[in-house]
Amino acid sequence: MKQNKTLSQLGMAMRAGKLITGDEIVLKAVRNKGAFLVILAGDASDNTKKKFRDKCSTYGIQLAEAFDREQLGKAIGKPERVVLAVTDAQFGKMIASHLSHNTEVDHIGE
């Protein structure tokens, strides 16, 4: 099966050093407006989903709920990951454009 283009792009962003992962690190980047796109695993807990929806909405950061924790981890060469943040505007735009075709992307301001 051909790997999803978005997952490949996440791997490229990771290798380029333009992607961070982990609850606290991603929250800090959102607060500092250092994140351009936050990707949350579809199988994240309801509390985690609410926390990131609220923070991203408050700070005007784009949030996408996509894939599952296993797929996200595999895409970036790590164990299971629940939340990722793209820290580069160009990678963020490229990944968000592909996500919007396949999944739910919240353009904050709803």
Protein backbone atom coordinates (compact mmCIF):
# COMPACT_ATOMS: atom_id res chain seq x y z
CA MET A 1 0.00 0.00 0.00
CA LYS A 2 1.29 3.45 -0.91
CA GLN A 3 2.10 5.51 2.18
CA ASN A 4 -0.06 8.54 2.73
CA LYS A 5 1.62 11.67 1.40
CA THR A 6 0.85 13.61 4.57
CA LEU A 7 2.62 11.02 6.72
CA SER A 8 5.66 11.25 4.42
CA GLN A 9 5.65 15.02 4.80
CA LEU A 10 5.55 14.67 8.58
CA GLY A 11 8.64 12.48 8.34
CA MET A 12 10.37 15.11 6.18
CA ALA A 13 9.49 17.84 8.69
CA MET A 14 10.89 15.70 11.52
CA ARG A 15 14.15 15.08 9.67
CA ALA A 16 14.40 18.80 8.91
CA GLY A 17 14.01 19.61 12.61
CA LYS A 18 10.72 21.44 12.00
CA LEU A 19 8.48 19.18 14.05
CA ILE A 20 8.13 18.75 17.80
CA THR A 21 6.26 16.17 19.79
CA GLY A 22 5.10 15.72 23.34
CA ASP A 23 2.32 17.28 25.39
CA GLU A 24 4.23 19.92 27.30
CA ILE A 25 6.61 20.87 24.49
CA VAL A 26 3.74 21.33 22.05
CA LEU A 27 1.71 23.36 24.59
CA LYS A 28 4.71 25.61 25.17
CA ALA A 29 5.11 26.14 21.41
CA VAL A 30 1.40 26.98 21.10
CA ARG A 31 1.65 29.52 23.94
CA ASN A 32 4.75 31.09 22.37
CA LYS A 33 3.14 31.03 18.90
CA GLY A 34 6.01 28.84 17.72
CA ALA A 35 3.66 26.23 16.29
CA PHE A 36 2.00 26.72 12.90
CA LEU A 37 0.02 23.50 12.88
CA VAL A 38 -0.84 21.06 15.66
CA ILE A 39 -1.77 17.50 14.71
CA LEU A 40 -3.68 15.46 17.25
CA ALA A 41 -4.18 11.70 16.95
CA GLY A 42 -7.78 10.69 16.42
CA ASP A 43 -7.48 8.16 19.24
CA ALA A 44 -6.29 10.73 21.81
CA SER A 45 -8.29 10.93 25.03
CA ASP A 46 -11.22 13.34 25.22
CA ASN A 47 -9.36 15.40 27.85
CA THR A 48 -6.31 15.74 25.59
CA LYS A 49 -8.49 16.69 22.63
CA LYS A 50 -10.26 19.36 24.68
CA LYS A 51 -7.00 20.73 26.07
CA PHE A 52 -5.45 21.17 22.63
CA ARG A 53 -8.65 22.46 21.00
CA ASP A 54 -8.95 25.10 23.71
CA LYS A 55 -5.28 26.15 23.61
CA CYS A 56 -5.10 26.26 19.82
CA SER A 57 -8.32 28.24 19.67
CA THR A 58 -7.07 30.73 22.27
CA TYR A 59 -3.77 31.31 20.48
CA GLY A 60 -5.09 31.08 16.90
CA ILE A 61 -3.09 27.98 15.94
CA GLN A 62 -4.45 25.62 13.29
CA LEU A 63 -5.41 22.20 14.68
CA ALA A 64 -5.93 18.98 12.75
CA GLU A 65 -7.23 15.73 14.14
CA ALA A 66 -5.75 13.04 11.95
CA PHE A 67 -4.53 9.45 11.88
CA ASP A 68 -3.94 7.48 15.07
CA ARG A 69 -1.07 7.49 17.54
CA GLU A 70 0.63 4.50 15.91
CA GLN A 71 0.57 6.06 12.42
CA LEU A 72 1.91 9.39 13.71
CA GLY A 73 4.75 7.71 15.58
CA LYS A 74 5.68 5.51 12.64
CA ALA A 75 5.68 8.51 10.26
CA ILE A 76 8.30 10.33 12.34
CA GLY A 77 10.34 7.29 13.33
CA LYS A 78 9.31 7.27 17.00
CA PRO A 79 7.07 5.18 19.22
CA GLU A 80 3.37 6.07 19.38
CA ARG A 81 2.71 9.84 19.39
CA VAL A 82 -0.53 11.60 20.35
CA VAL A 83 0.35 15.18 19.48
CA LEU A 84 2.77 16.82 17.03
CA ALA A 85 3.41 20.44 16.15
CA VAL A 86 4.93 21.75 12.94
CA THR A 87 7.17 24.71 13.78
CA ASP A 88 7.86 25.92 10.23
CA ALA A 89 5.30 27.95 8.27
CA GLN A 90 6.09 26.36 4.89
CA PHE A 91 5.92 22.79 6.18
CA GLY A 92 2.77 23.75 8.11
CA LYS A 93 1.04 25.07 4.98
CA MET A 94 2.10 22.08 2.88
CA ILE A 95 0.93 19.52 5.45
CA ALA A 96 -2.32 21.37 6.24
CA SER A 97 -3.22 21.55 2.54
CA HIS A 98 -2.95 17.77 2.24
CA LEU A 99 -4.75 17.18 5.53
CA SER A 100 -7.69 19.33 4.48
CA HIS A 101 -8.37 16.90 1.62
CA ASN A 102 -8.39 13.86 3.87
CA THR A 103 -9.34 14.77 7.41
CA GLU A 104 -10.86 17.30 9.75
CA VAL A 105 -8.83 20.50 9.94
CA ASP A 106 -10.07 23.23 12.25
CA HIS A 107 -9.37 26.69 11.01
CA ILE A 108 -9.51 28.44 14.32
CA GLY A 109 -12.09 31.16 14.54
CA GLU A 110 -15.16 28.96 14.45
